[in-house]
Amino acid sequence: MKKAVVNSVIHQDCQLKDFNVTIQNSCIGRNCKIGSNVTITNSILFNNVSVSDNVKIVNSIICSRAWIGQNNSIKDQKI
């Protein structure tokens, strides 16, 4: 298991399912839920975003109350 948070801001109310998460150069908002085996790079997640297991988010903006289902890859998107 790994947990890597580099050059990122994560709100204290954010919930990580486990320690198998990588977050780099990103900002994670309030009440976000991050699943297992998730990679978030160069992205912004607004408040109340849910990210399921096995998700990769790169260069993207995810707006409030969005839900990202498991096994998804998101790159260069605004959701």
PDB file of N, CA and C in Angstrom:
ATOM      1  N   MET A   1       0.834  -1.182   0.000  1.00  0.00           N
ATOM      2  CA  MET A   1       0.000   0.000   0.000  1.00  0.00           C
ATOM      3  C   MET A   1       0.877   1.243   0.000  1.00  0.00           C
ATOM      4  N   LYS A   2       0.426   2.266  -0.709  1.00  0.00           N
ATOM      5  CA  LYS A   2       1.186   3.498  -0.751  1.00  0.00           C
ATOM      6  C   LYS A   2       0.264   4.689  -0.599  1.00  0.00           C
ATOM      7  N   LYS A   3       0.819   5.743  -0.101  1.00  0.00           N
ATOM      8  CA  LYS A   3       0.077   6.997  -0.028  1.00  0.00           C
ATOM      9  C   LYS A   3       1.077   8.085  -0.358  1.00  0.00           C
ATOM     10  N   ALA A   4       0.854   8.754  -1.467  1.00  0.00           N
ATOM     11  CA  ALA A   4       1.758   9.814  -1.870  1.00  0.00           C
ATOM     12  C   ALA A   4       0.960  11.077  -2.138  1.00  0.00           C
ATOM     13  N   VAL A   5       1.248  12.103  -1.390  1.00  0.00           N
ATOM     14  CA  VAL A   5       0.622  13.400  -1.608  1.00  0.00           C
ATOM     15  C   VAL A   5       1.757  14.399  -1.803  1.00  0.00           C
ATOM     16  N   VAL A   6       1.839  14.970  -3.024  1.00  0.00           N
ATOM     17  CA  VAL A   6       2.944  15.849  -3.374  1.00  0.00           C
ATOM     18  C   VAL A   6       2.390  17.159  -3.932  1.00  0.00           C
ATOM     19  N   ASN A   7       2.854  18.285  -3.396  1.00  0.00           N
ATOM     20  CA  ASN A   7       2.458  19.613  -3.881  1.00  0.00           C
ATOM     21  C   ASN A   7       0.945  19.749  -4.042  1.00  0.00           C
ATOM     22  N   SER A   8       0.196  19.299  -3.068  1.00  0.00           N
ATOM     23  CA  SER A   8      -1.265  19.300  -3.157  1.00  0.00           C
ATOM     24  C   SER A   8      -1.886  19.845  -1.884  1.00  0.00           C
ATOM     25  N   VAL A   9      -3.138  20.308  -2.028  1.00  0.00           N
ATOM     26  CA  VAL A   9      -3.909  20.761  -0.882  1.00  0.00           C
ATOM     27  C   VAL A   9      -5.139  19.858  -0.790  1.00  0.00           C
ATOM     28  N   ILE A  10      -5.327  19.251   0.383  1.00  0.00           N
ATOM     29  CA  ILE A  10      -6.466  18.362   0.607  1.00  0.00           C
ATOM     30  C   ILE A  10      -7.210  18.853   1.832  1.00  0.00           C
ATOM     31  N   HIS A  11      -8.492  19.139   1.682  1.00  0.00           N
ATOM     32  CA  HIS A  11      -9.289  19.624   2.812  1.00  0.00           C
ATOM     33  C   HIS A  11      -9.320  18.562   3.904  1.00  0.00           C
ATOM     34  N   GLN A  12      -9.324  19.000   5.138  1.00  0.00           N
ATOM     35  CA  GLN A  12      -9.265  18.075   6.272  1.00  0.00           C
ATOM     36  C   GLN A  12     -10.467  17.140   6.357  1.00  0.00           C
ATOM     37  N   ASP A  13     -11.594  17.484   5.737  1.00  0.00           N
ATOM     38  CA  ASP A  13     -12.774  16.623   5.772  1.00  0.00           C
ATOM     39  C   ASP A  13     -12.780  15.558   4.673  1.00  0.00           C
ATOM     40  N   CYS A  14     -11.755  15.553   3.845  1.00  0.00           N
ATOM     41  CA  CYS A  14     -11.663  14.570   2.766  1.00  0.00           C
ATOM     42  C   CYS A  14     -11.441  13.182   3.360  1.00  0.00           C
ATOM     43  N   GLN A  15     -12.122  12.183   2.793  1.00  0.00           N
ATOM     44  CA  GLN A  15     -11.996  10.807   3.288  1.00  0.00           C
ATOM     45  C   GLN A  15     -11.285   9.941   2.249  1.00  0.00           C
ATOM     46  N   LEU A  16     -10.200   9.314   2.670  1.00  0.00           N
ATOM     47  CA  LEU A  16      -9.487   8.373   1.813  1.00  0.00           C
ATOM     48  C   LEU A  16      -9.854   6.963   2.242  1.00  0.00           C
ATOM     49  N   LYS A  17     -10.304   6.134   1.297  1.00  0.00           N
ATOM     50  CA  LYS A  17     -10.737   4.777   1.613  1.00  0.00           C
ATOM     51  C   LYS A  17      -9.599   3.970   2.244  1.00  0.00           C
ATOM     52  N   ASP A  18      -8.409   4.086   1.673  1.00  0.00           N
ATOM     53  CA  ASP A  18      -7.222   3.452   2.238  1.00  0.00           C
ATOM     54  C   ASP A  18      -5.998   4.259   1.827  1.00  0.00           C
ATOM     55  N   PHE A  19      -4.832   3.693   2.010  1.00  0.00           N
ATOM     56  CA  PHE A  19      -3.612   4.436   1.726  1.00  0.00           C
ATOM     57  C   PHE A  19      -3.059   4.187   0.333  1.00  0.00           C
ATOM     58  N   ASN A  20      -3.792   3.512  -0.529  1.00  0.00           N
ATOM     59  CA  ASN A  20      -3.337   3.244  -1.882  1.00  0.00           C
ATOM     60  C   ASN A  20      -3.813   4.359  -2.815  1.00  0.00           C
ATOM     61  N   VAL A  21      -3.313   5.583  -2.568  1.00  0.00           N
ATOM     62  CA  VAL A  21      -3.741   6.780  -3.279  1.00  0.00           C
ATOM     63  C   VAL A  21      -2.516   7.627  -3.620  1.00  0.00           C
ATOM     64  N   THR A  22      -2.515   8.203  -4.827  1.00  0.00           N
ATOM     65  CA  THR A  22      -1.466   9.139  -5.220  1.00  0.00           C
ATOM     66  C   THR A  22      -2.129  10.432  -5.663  1.00  0.00           C
ATOM     67  N   ILE A  23      -1.746  11.547  -5.039  1.00  0.00           N
ATOM     68  CA  ILE A  23      -2.288  12.862  -5.381  1.00  0.00           C
ATOM     69  C   ILE A  23      -1.109  13.809  -5.584  1.00  0.00           C
ATOM     70  N   GLN A  24      -1.003  14.364  -6.799  1.00  0.00           N
ATOM     71  CA  GLN A  24       0.115  15.246  -7.122  1.00  0.00           C
ATOM     72  C   GLN A  24      -0.391  16.531  -7.770  1.00  0.00           C
ATOM     73  N   ASN A  25       0.161  17.666  -7.328  1.00  0.00           N
ATOM     74  CA  ASN A  25      -0.138  18.975  -7.919  1.00  0.00           C
ATOM     75  C   ASN A  25      -1.639  19.200  -8.073  1.00  0.00           C
ATOM     76  N   SER A  26      -2.400  18.899  -7.039  1.00  0.00           N
ATOM     77  CA  SER A  26      -3.857  18.967  -7.121  1.00  0.00           C
ATOM     78  C   SER A  26      -4.454  19.635  -5.886  1.00  0.00           C
ATOM     79  N   CYS A  27      -5.735  19.980  -6.002  1.00  0.00           N
ATOM     80  CA  CYS A  27      -6.488  20.564  -4.894  1.00  0.00           C
ATOM     81  C   CYS A  27      -7.771  19.761  -4.725  1.00  0.00           C
ATOM     82  N   ILE A  28      -7.996  19.239  -3.511  1.00  0.00           N
ATOM     83  CA  ILE A  28      -9.152  18.405  -3.218  1.00  0.00           C
ATOM     84  C   ILE A  28     -10.024  19.146  -2.205  1.00  0.00           C
ATOM     85  N   GLY A  29     -11.294  19.359  -2.552  1.00  0.00           N
ATOM     86  CA  GLY A  29     -12.207  20.149  -1.734  1.00  0.00           C
ATOM     87  C   GLY A  29     -12.773  19.416  -0.526  1.00  0.00           C
ATOM     88  N   ARG A  30     -13.691  20.094   0.134  1.00  0.00           N
ATOM     89  CA  ARG A  30     -14.334  19.620   1.357  1.00  0.00           C
ATOM     90  C   ARG A  30     -15.269  18.444   1.064  1.00  0.00           C
ATOM     91  N   ASN A  31     -15.319  17.503   2.004  1.00  0.00           N
ATOM     92  CA  ASN A  31     -16.229  16.352   1.968  1.00  0.00           C
ATOM     93  C   ASN A  31     -16.071  15.458   0.745  1.00  0.00           C
ATOM     94  N   CYS A  32     -14.882  15.411   0.166  1.00  0.00           N
ATOM     95  CA  CYS A  32     -14.638  14.504  -0.954  1.00  0.00           C
ATOM     96  C   CYS A  32     -14.344  13.107  -0.413  1.00  0.00           C
ATOM     97  N   LYS A  33     -14.747  12.110  -1.187  1.00  0.00           N
ATOM     98  CA  LYS A  33     -14.501  10.711  -0.829  1.00  0.00           C
ATOM     99  C   LYS A  33     -13.670  10.097  -1.945  1.00  0.00           C
ATOM    100  N   ILE A  34     -12.485   9.608  -1.575  1.00  0.00           N
ATOM    101  CA  ILE A  34     -11.542   9.063  -2.550  1.00  0.00           C
ATOM    102  C   ILE A  34     -11.385   7.571  -2.292  1.00  0.00           C
ATOM    103  N   GLY A  35     -11.621   6.756  -3.315  1.00  0.00           N
ATOM    104  CA  GLY A  35     -11.539   5.302  -3.196  1.00  0.00           C
ATOM    105  C   GLY A  35     -10.117   4.777  -3.212  1.00  0.00           C
ATOM    106  N   SER A  36     -10.008   3.467  -3.352  1.00  0.00           N
ATOM    107  CA  SER A  36      -8.730   2.774  -3.357  1.00  0.00           C
ATOM    108  C   SER A  36      -8.121   2.767  -4.759  1.00  0.00           C
ATOM    109  N   ASN A  37      -6.799   2.766  -4.823  1.00  0.00           N
ATOM    110  CA  ASN A  37      -6.063   2.698  -6.086  1.00  0.00           C
ATOM    111  C   ASN A  37      -6.441   3.861  -7.006  1.00  0.00           C
ATOM    112  N   VAL A  38      -6.437   5.072  -6.455  1.00  0.00           N
ATOM    113  CA  VAL A  38      -6.800   6.281  -7.189  1.00  0.00           C
ATOM    114  C   VAL A  38      -5.552   7.135  -7.393  1.00  0.00           C
ATOM    115  N   THR A  39      -5.428   7.690  -8.604  1.00  0.00           N
ATOM    116  CA  THR A  39      -4.357   8.630  -8.927  1.00  0.00           C
ATOM    117  C   THR A  39      -4.989   9.926  -9.412  1.00  0.00           C
ATOM    118  N   ILE A  40      -4.618  11.037  -8.774  1.00  0.00           N
ATOM    119  CA  ILE A  40      -5.113  12.357  -9.166  1.00  0.00           C
ATOM    120  C   ILE A  40      -3.892  13.238  -9.406  1.00  0.00           C
ATOM    121  N   THR A  41      -3.776  13.759 -10.637  1.00  0.00           N
ATOM    122  CA  THR A  41      -2.607  14.546 -11.016  1.00  0.00           C
ATOM    123  C   THR A  41      -3.037  15.825 -11.713  1.00  0.00           C
ATOM    124  N   ASN A  42      -2.461  16.956 -11.302  1.00  0.00           N
ATOM    125  CA  ASN A  42      -2.720  18.261 -11.929  1.00  0.00           C
ATOM    126  C   ASN A  42      -4.217  18.541 -12.083  1.00  0.00           C
ATOM    127  N   SER A  43      -4.976  18.309 -11.037  1.00  0.00           N
ATOM    128  CA  SER A  43      -6.435  18.429 -11.129  1.00  0.00           C
ATOM    129  C   SER A  43      -7.025  19.155  -9.929  1.00  0.00           C
ATOM    130  N   ILE A  44      -8.274  19.581 -10.087  1.00  0.00           N
ATOM    131  CA  ILE A  44      -9.028  20.220  -9.015  1.00  0.00           C
ATOM    132  C   ILE A  44     -10.330  19.462  -8.832  1.00  0.00           C
ATOM    133  N   LEU A  45     -10.609  19.062  -7.599  1.00  0.00           N
ATOM    134  CA  LEU A  45     -11.885  18.457  -7.248  1.00  0.00           C
ATOM    135  C   LEU A  45     -12.586  19.418  -6.300  1.00  0.00           C
ATOM    136  N   PHE A  46     -13.739  19.914  -6.698  1.00  0.00           N
ATOM    137  CA  PHE A  46     -14.505  20.822  -5.854  1.00  0.00           C
ATOM    138  C   PHE A  46     -15.105  20.032  -4.681  1.00  0.00           C
ATOM    139  N   ASN A  47     -15.944  20.659  -3.877  1.00  0.00           N
ATOM    140  CA  ASN A  47     -16.528  20.033  -2.694  1.00  0.00           C
ATOM    141  C   ASN A  47     -17.482  18.893  -3.062  1.00  0.00           C
ATOM    142  N   ASN A  48     -17.574  17.920  -2.162  1.00  0.00           N
ATOM    143  CA  ASN A  48     -18.544  16.827  -2.238  1.00  0.00           C
ATOM    144  C   ASN A  48     -18.415  15.948  -3.483  1.00  0.00           C
ATOM    145  N   VAL A  49     -17.197  15.724  -3.939  1.00  0.00           N
ATOM    146  CA  VAL A  49     -16.954  14.840  -5.079  1.00  0.00           C
ATOM    147  C   VAL A  49     -16.649  13.444  -4.555  1.00  0.00           C
ATOM    148  N   SER A  50     -17.217  12.430  -5.209  1.00  0.00           N
ATOM    149  CA  SER A  50     -16.945  11.032  -4.861  1.00  0.00           C
ATOM    150  C   SER A  50     -16.186  10.379  -6.005  1.00  0.00           C
ATOM    151  N   VAL A  51     -15.073   9.758  -5.668  1.00  0.00           N
ATOM    152  CA  VAL A  51     -14.245   9.055  -6.647  1.00  0.00           C
ATOM    153  C   VAL A  51     -14.159   7.597  -6.214  1.00  0.00           C
ATOM    154  N   SER A  52     -14.661   6.697  -7.055  1.00  0.00           N
ATOM    155  CA  SER A  52     -14.658   5.265  -6.737  1.00  0.00           C
ATOM    156  C   SER A  52     -13.270   4.662  -6.912  1.00  0.00           C
ATOM    157  N   ASP A  53     -13.159   3.362  -6.713  1.00  0.00           N
ATOM    158  CA  ASP A  53     -11.895   2.643  -6.800  1.00  0.00           C
ATOM    159  C   ASP A  53     -11.360   2.584  -8.234  1.00  0.00           C
ATOM    160  N   ASN A  54     -10.039   2.483  -8.338  1.00  0.00           N
ATOM    161  CA  ASN A  54      -9.340   2.280  -9.615  1.00  0.00           C
ATOM    162  C   ASN A  54      -9.614   3.381 -10.630  1.00  0.00           C
ATOM    163  N   VAL A  55      -9.501   4.632 -10.186  1.00  0.00           N
ATOM    164  CA  VAL A  55      -9.756   5.788 -11.053  1.00  0.00           C
ATOM    165  C   VAL A  55      -8.474   6.587 -11.220  1.00  0.00           C
ATOM    166  N   LYS A  56      -8.285   7.113 -12.434  1.00  0.00           N
ATOM    167  CA  LYS A  56      -7.154   7.988 -12.724  1.00  0.00           C
ATOM    168  C   LYS A  56      -7.707   9.295 -13.274  1.00  0.00           C
ATOM    169  N   ILE A  57      -7.355  10.414 -12.631  1.00  0.00           N
ATOM    170  CA  ILE A  57      -7.801  11.744 -13.054  1.00  0.00           C
ATOM    171  C   ILE A  57      -6.555  12.585 -13.329  1.00  0.00           C
ATOM    172  N   VAL A  58      -6.450  13.113 -14.569  1.00  0.00           N
ATOM    173  CA  VAL A  58      -5.275  13.879 -14.964  1.00  0.00           C
ATOM    174  C   VAL A  58      -5.721  15.170 -15.659  1.00  0.00           C
ATOM    175  N   ASN A  59      -5.124  16.292 -15.273  1.00  0.00           N
ATOM    176  CA  ASN A  59      -5.371  17.593 -15.905  1.00  0.00           C
ATOM    177  C   ASN A  59      -6.862  17.900 -16.043  1.00  0.00           C
ATOM    178  N   SER A  60      -7.619  17.710 -14.996  1.00  0.00           N
ATOM    179  CA  SER A  60      -9.070  17.869 -15.084  1.00  0.00           C
ATOM    180  C   SER A  60      -9.632  18.679 -13.924  1.00  0.00           C
ATOM    181  N   ILE A  61     -10.843  19.193 -14.135  1.00  0.00           N
ATOM    182  CA  ILE A  61     -11.595  19.898 -13.103  1.00  0.00           C
ATOM    183  C   ILE A  61     -12.895  19.132 -12.905  1.00  0.00           C
ATOM    184  N   ILE A  62     -13.145  18.725 -11.656  1.00  0.00           N
ATOM    185  CA  ILE A  62     -14.354  17.980 -11.321  1.00  0.00           C
ATOM    186  C   ILE A  62     -15.190  18.859 -10.392  1.00  0.00           C
ATOM    187  N   CYS A  63     -16.370  19.258 -10.854  1.00  0.00           N
ATOM    188  CA  CYS A  63     -17.211  20.189 -10.094  1.00  0.00           C
ATOM    189  C   CYS A  63     -17.951  19.504  -8.938  1.00  0.00           C
ATOM    190  N   SER A  64     -18.492  20.312  -8.057  1.00  0.00           N
ATOM    191  CA  SER A  64     -19.179  19.839  -6.853  1.00  0.00           C
ATOM    192  C   SER A  64     -20.237  18.791  -7.149  1.00  0.00           C
ATOM    193  N   ARG A  65     -20.311  17.836  -6.245  1.00  0.00           N
ATOM    194  CA  ARG A  65     -21.311  16.764  -6.239  1.00  0.00           C
ATOM    195  C   ARG A  65     -21.178  15.772  -7.395  1.00  0.00           C
ATOM    196  N   ALA A  66     -20.053  15.803  -8.081  1.00  0.00           N
ATOM    197  CA  ALA A  66     -19.846  14.820  -9.157  1.00  0.00           C
ATOM    198  C   ALA A  66     -19.496  13.465  -8.549  1.00  0.00           C
ATOM    199  N   TRP A  67     -19.825  12.423  -9.289  1.00  0.00           N
ATOM    200  CA  TRP A  67     -19.486  11.058  -8.886  1.00  0.00           C
ATOM    201  C   TRP A  67     -18.746  10.406 -10.045  1.00  0.00           C
ATOM    202  N   ILE A  68     -17.552   9.907  -9.768  1.00  0.00           N
ATOM    203  CA  ILE A  68     -16.741   9.233 -10.785  1.00  0.00           C
ATOM    204  C   ILE A  68     -16.756   7.745 -10.451  1.00  0.00           C
ATOM    205  N   GLY A  69     -17.359   6.949 -11.335  1.00  0.00           N
ATOM    206  CA  GLY A  69     -17.482   5.509 -11.115  1.00  0.00           C
ATOM    207  C   GLY A  69     -16.153   4.782 -11.240  1.00  0.00           C
ATOM    208  N   GLN A  70     -16.128   3.568 -10.718  1.00  0.00           N
ATOM    209  CA  GLN A  70     -14.878   2.811 -10.672  1.00  0.00           C
ATOM    210  C   GLN A  70     -14.360   2.447 -12.063  1.00  0.00           C
ATOM    211  N   ASN A  71     -13.043   2.244 -12.111  1.00  0.00           N
ATOM    212  CA  ASN A  71     -12.322   1.832 -13.321  1.00  0.00           C
ATOM    213  C   ASN A  71     -12.386   2.857 -14.449  1.00  0.00           C
ATOM    214  N   ASN A  72     -12.504   4.142 -14.114  1.00  0.00           N
ATOM    215  CA  ASN A  72     -12.540   5.193 -15.121  1.00  0.00           C
ATOM    216  C   ASN A  72     -11.217   5.939 -15.197  1.00  0.00           C
ATOM    217  N   SER A  73     -10.929   6.448 -16.382  1.00  0.00           N
ATOM    218  CA  SER A  73      -9.779   7.294 -16.616  1.00  0.00           C
ATOM    219  C   SER A  73     -10.293   8.611 -17.195  1.00  0.00           C
ATOM    220  N   ILE A  74      -9.927   9.715 -16.565  1.00  0.00           N
ATOM    221  CA  ILE A  74     -10.382  11.022 -17.008  1.00  0.00           C
ATOM    222  C   ILE A  74      -9.153  11.876 -17.260  1.00  0.00           C
ATOM    223  N   LYS A  75      -9.057  12.436 -18.468  1.00  0.00           N
ATOM    224  CA  LYS A  75      -7.913  13.264 -18.814  1.00  0.00           C
ATOM    225  C   LYS A  75      -8.392  14.481 -19.590  1.00  0.00           C
ATOM    226  N   ASP A  76      -7.897  15.665 -19.173  1.00  0.00           N
ATOM    227  CA  ASP A  76      -8.199  16.928 -19.859  1.00  0.00           C
ATOM    228  C   ASP A  76      -9.705  17.180 -19.974  1.00  0.00           C
ATOM    229  N   GLN A  77     -10.430  16.991 -18.878  1.00  0.00           N
ATOM    230  CA  GLN A  77     -11.883  17.152 -18.884  1.00  0.00           C
ATOM    231  C   GLN A  77     -12.338  18.167 -17.836  1.00  0.00           C
ATOM    232  N   LYS A  78     -13.525  18.730 -18.071  1.00  0.00           N
ATOM    233  CA  LYS A  78     -14.234  19.558 -17.097  1.00  0.00           C
ATOM    234  C   LYS A  78     -15.574  18.883 -16.873  1.00  0.00           C
ATOM    235  N   ILE A  79     -15.781  18.365 -15.674  1.00  0.00           N
ATOM    236  CA  ILE A  79     -17.004  17.618 -15.377  1.00  0.00           C
ATOM    237  C   ILE A  79     -17.758  18.304 -14.257  1.00  0.00           C
TER     238      ILE A  79
END
